[in-house]
Amino acid sequence: MSKVKKKRIEDLTIISDLDIKFEKIIQFSGWWFLLLLAGFLGAWIFLDIVLEILDLEVTAMSYSFMIFTGTNSAISFALATKIKNNRDKKKQFFRDWLLGEFIFCMLTVFAIAAYQW
């Protein structure tokens, strides 16, 4: 038997209820964006291809909606995962996410405006 005792390493992290709710809200927003995108594309496919009721075209508005909801869904899931792995930096991640969303929305608006022009 060895005289050296191995220390048991215990990760004592205390997770507050507020942190868990914060992560779930961000994940919920990701699922919401994903369901919006799936619903929009499902209705599009159903009405245009299956039933041939409407003749829908990909316009700047519909294209920007698809890109915006898909990207926001991915960004929300990535933020929730990043916060879950590093809870001590959640404020920094959240600020970076808000700044990134603002920049992304501004670029989307300018790209659609340039396309329409």
C-alpha atoms as a PDB file:
ATOM      1  CA  MET A   1       0.000   0.000   0.000  1.00  0.00           C
ATOM      2  CA  SER A   2       1.277   3.435  -0.850  1.00  0.00           C
ATOM      3  CA  LYS A   3       1.890   5.949   1.873  1.00  0.00           C
ATOM      4  CA  VAL A   4       0.938   8.784  -0.386  1.00  0.00           C
ATOM      5  CA  LYS A   5      -2.768   9.400  -0.285  1.00  0.00           C
ATOM      6  CA  LYS A   6      -4.355  10.657  -3.402  1.00  0.00           C
ATOM      7  CA  LYS A   7      -6.426  13.731  -2.943  1.00  0.00           C
ATOM      8  CA  ARG A   8      -9.859  13.530  -4.276  1.00  0.00           C
ATOM      9  CA  ILE A   9     -10.463  16.506  -6.472  1.00  0.00           C
ATOM     10  CA  GLU A  10     -13.946  17.815  -6.128  1.00  0.00           C
ATOM     11  CA  ASP A  11     -15.330  20.521  -8.311  1.00  0.00           C
ATOM     12  CA  LEU A  12     -17.423  22.575  -5.948  1.00  0.00           C
ATOM     13  CA  THR A  13     -19.293  24.905  -8.208  1.00  0.00           C
ATOM     14  CA  ILE A  14     -22.510  26.326  -6.957  1.00  0.00           C
ATOM     15  CA  ILE A  15     -25.041  26.962  -9.664  1.00  0.00           C
ATOM     16  CA  SER A  16     -27.722  29.432  -8.758  1.00  0.00           C
ATOM     17  CA  ASP A  17     -31.298  29.199  -9.942  1.00  0.00           C
ATOM     18  CA  LEU A  18     -30.844  32.497 -11.760  1.00  0.00           C
ATOM     19  CA  ASP A  19     -27.987  31.040 -13.835  1.00  0.00           C
ATOM     20  CA  ILE A  20     -30.085  28.025 -14.784  1.00  0.00           C
ATOM     21  CA  LYS A  21     -33.056  30.218 -15.740  1.00  0.00           C
ATOM     22  CA  PHE A  22     -30.754  32.471 -17.768  1.00  0.00           C
ATOM     23  CA  GLU A  23     -29.398  29.505 -19.738  1.00  0.00           C
ATOM     24  CA  LYS A  24     -32.882  28.110 -20.316  1.00  0.00           C
ATOM     25  CA  ILE A  25     -34.162  31.467 -21.561  1.00  0.00           C
ATOM     26  CA  ILE A  26     -31.341  31.695 -24.080  1.00  0.00           C
ATOM     27  CA  GLN A  27     -31.931  28.097 -25.200  1.00  0.00           C
ATOM     28  CA  PHE A  28     -35.661  28.811 -25.450  1.00  0.00           C
ATOM     29  CA  SER A  29     -34.983  31.783 -27.707  1.00  0.00           C
ATOM     30  CA  GLY A  30     -32.798  29.536 -29.889  1.00  0.00           C
ATOM     31  CA  TRP A  31     -35.590  26.978 -30.162  1.00  0.00           C
ATOM     32  CA  TRP A  32     -38.089  29.756 -30.894  1.00  0.00           C
ATOM     33  CA  PHE A  33     -36.004  31.074 -33.789  1.00  0.00           C
ATOM     34  CA  LEU A  34     -35.507  27.538 -35.093  1.00  0.00           C
ATOM     35  CA  LEU A  35     -39.251  26.777 -34.941  1.00  0.00           C
ATOM     36  CA  LEU A  36     -40.027  30.060 -36.715  1.00  0.00           C
ATOM     37  CA  LEU A  37     -37.641  29.136 -39.496  1.00  0.00           C
ATOM     38  CA  ALA A  38     -39.006  25.593 -39.766  1.00  0.00           C
ATOM     39  CA  GLY A  39     -42.601  26.860 -39.765  1.00  0.00           C
ATOM     40  CA  PHE A  40     -41.888  29.444 -42.431  1.00  0.00           C
ATOM     41  CA  LEU A  41     -40.076  26.982 -44.673  1.00  0.00           C
ATOM     42  CA  GLY A  42     -42.689  24.274 -44.006  1.00  0.00           C
ATOM     43  CA  ALA A  43     -45.550  26.583 -44.938  1.00  0.00           C
ATOM     44  CA  TRP A  44     -43.611  27.714 -47.992  1.00  0.00           C
ATOM     45  CA  ILE A  45     -43.000  24.163 -49.193  1.00  0.00           C
ATOM     46  CA  PHE A  46     -46.541  23.045 -48.394  1.00  0.00           C
ATOM     47  CA  LEU A  47     -48.321  25.951 -50.108  1.00  0.00           C
ATOM     48  CA  ASP A  48     -45.999  26.346 -53.083  1.00  0.00           C
ATOM     49  CA  ILE A  49     -44.723  22.887 -53.984  1.00  0.00           C
ATOM     50  CA  VAL A  50     -47.232  20.408 -52.564  1.00  0.00           C
ATOM     51  CA  LEU A  51     -50.556  22.180 -53.063  1.00  0.00           C
ATOM     52  CA  GLU A  52     -49.463  24.592 -55.773  1.00  0.00           C
ATOM     53  CA  ILE A  53     -51.901  27.170 -54.403  1.00  0.00           C
ATOM     54  CA  LEU A  54     -49.479  30.077 -54.361  1.00  0.00           C
ATOM     55  CA  ASP A  55     -46.577  30.895 -56.590  1.00  0.00           C
ATOM     56  CA  LEU A  56     -44.060  32.155 -54.055  1.00  0.00           C
ATOM     57  CA  GLU A  57     -40.762  33.737 -54.977  1.00  0.00           C
ATOM     58  CA  VAL A  58     -37.659  34.294 -52.932  1.00  0.00           C
ATOM     59  CA  THR A  59     -37.681  38.026 -52.332  1.00  0.00           C
ATOM     60  CA  ALA A  60     -35.302  40.130 -50.290  1.00  0.00           C
ATOM     61  CA  MET A  61     -37.730  40.096 -47.366  1.00  0.00           C
ATOM     62  CA  SER A  62     -38.189  36.330 -47.262  1.00  0.00           C
ATOM     63  CA  TYR A  63     -34.480  35.681 -47.814  1.00  0.00           C
ATOM     64  CA  SER A  64     -33.503  38.071 -45.010  1.00  0.00           C
ATOM     65  CA  PHE A  65     -36.071  36.442 -42.700  1.00  0.00           C
ATOM     66  CA  MET A  66     -34.633  32.977 -43.362  1.00  0.00           C
ATOM     67  CA  ILE A  67     -31.037  34.126 -42.876  1.00  0.00           C
ATOM     68  CA  PHE A  68     -31.886  36.166 -39.779  1.00  0.00           C
ATOM     69  CA  THR A  69     -33.845  33.449 -37.958  1.00  0.00           C
ATOM     70  CA  GLY A  70     -31.395  30.676 -38.825  1.00  0.00           C
ATOM     71  CA  THR A  71     -28.367  32.666 -37.747  1.00  0.00           C
ATOM     72  CA  ASN A  72     -30.002  33.904 -34.544  1.00  0.00           C
ATOM     73  CA  SER A  73     -30.967  30.351 -33.642  1.00  0.00           C
ATOM     74  CA  ALA A  74     -27.395  29.160 -34.062  1.00  0.00           C
ATOM     75  CA  ILE A  75     -25.988  32.123 -32.143  1.00  0.00           C
ATOM     76  CA  SER A  76     -28.438  31.588 -29.248  1.00  0.00           C
ATOM     77  CA  PHE A  77     -27.530  27.905 -28.944  1.00  0.00           C
ATOM     78  CA  ALA A  78     -23.822  28.767 -29.096  1.00  0.00           C
ATOM     79  CA  LEU A  79     -24.208  31.398 -26.370  1.00  0.00           C
ATOM     80  CA  ALA A  80     -26.105  29.000 -24.100  1.00  0.00           C
ATOM     81  CA  THR A  81     -23.386  26.363 -24.533  1.00  0.00           C
ATOM     82  CA  LYS A  82     -20.598  28.884 -23.971  1.00  0.00           C
ATOM     83  CA  ILE A  83     -22.232  30.171 -20.774  1.00  0.00           C
ATOM     84  CA  LYS A  84     -22.852  26.616 -19.556  1.00  0.00           C
ATOM     85  CA  ASN A  85     -19.147  25.781 -19.941  1.00  0.00           C
ATOM     86  CA  ASN A  86     -17.830  29.056 -18.427  1.00  0.00           C
ATOM     87  CA  ARG A  87     -20.304  30.431 -15.932  1.00  0.00           C
ATOM     88  CA  ASP A  88     -17.815  32.865 -14.444  1.00  0.00           C
ATOM     89  CA  LYS A  89     -17.596  34.827 -17.727  1.00  0.00           C
ATOM     90  CA  LYS A  90     -21.318  34.968 -18.486  1.00  0.00           C
ATOM     91  CA  LYS A  91     -21.554  38.769 -18.323  1.00  0.00           C
ATOM     92  CA  GLN A  92     -18.722  39.158 -20.815  1.00  0.00           C
ATOM     93  CA  PHE A  93     -20.237  36.559 -23.153  1.00  0.00           C
ATOM     94  CA  PHE A  94     -23.654  38.198 -22.918  1.00  0.00           C
ATOM     95  CA  ARG A  95     -22.245  41.661 -23.708  1.00  0.00           C
ATOM     96  CA  ASP A  96     -20.310  40.238 -26.653  1.00  0.00           C
ATOM     97  CA  TRP A  97     -23.476  38.493 -27.847  1.00  0.00           C
ATOM     98  CA  LEU A  98     -25.502  41.723 -27.671  1.00  0.00           C
ATOM     99  CA  LEU A  99     -22.817  43.624 -29.552  1.00  0.00           C
ATOM    100  CA  GLY A 100     -22.583  40.851 -32.146  1.00  0.00           C
ATOM    101  CA  GLU A 101     -26.357  40.782 -32.619  1.00  0.00           C
ATOM    102  CA  PHE A 102     -26.408  44.543 -33.074  1.00  0.00           C
ATOM    103  CA  ILE A 103     -23.648  44.437 -35.670  1.00  0.00           C
ATOM    104  CA  PHE A 104     -25.277  41.474 -37.436  1.00  0.00           C
ATOM    105  CA  CYS A 105     -28.651  43.244 -37.579  1.00  0.00           C
ATOM    106  CA  MET A 106     -27.083  46.440 -38.902  1.00  0.00           C
ATOM    107  CA  LEU A 107     -25.207  44.524 -41.606  1.00  0.00           C
ATOM    108  CA  THR A 108     -28.399  42.693 -42.542  1.00  0.00           C
ATOM    109  CA  VAL A 109     -30.339  45.939 -42.822  1.00  0.00           C
ATOM    110  CA  PHE A 110     -27.634  47.551 -44.960  1.00  0.00           C
ATOM    111  CA  ALA A 111     -27.294  44.477 -47.176  1.00  0.00           C
ATOM    112  CA  ILE A 112     -31.046  44.345 -47.816  1.00  0.00           C
ATOM    113  CA  ALA A 113     -31.134  48.098 -48.440  1.00  0.00           C
ATOM    114  CA  ALA A 114     -28.297  47.793 -50.935  1.00  0.00           C
ATOM    115  CA  TYR A 115     -30.066  44.856 -52.608  1.00  0.00           C
ATOM    116  CA  GLN A 116     -33.315  46.814 -52.883  1.00  0.00           C
ATOM    117  CA  TRP A 117     -31.537  49.879 -54.233  1.00  0.00           C
END
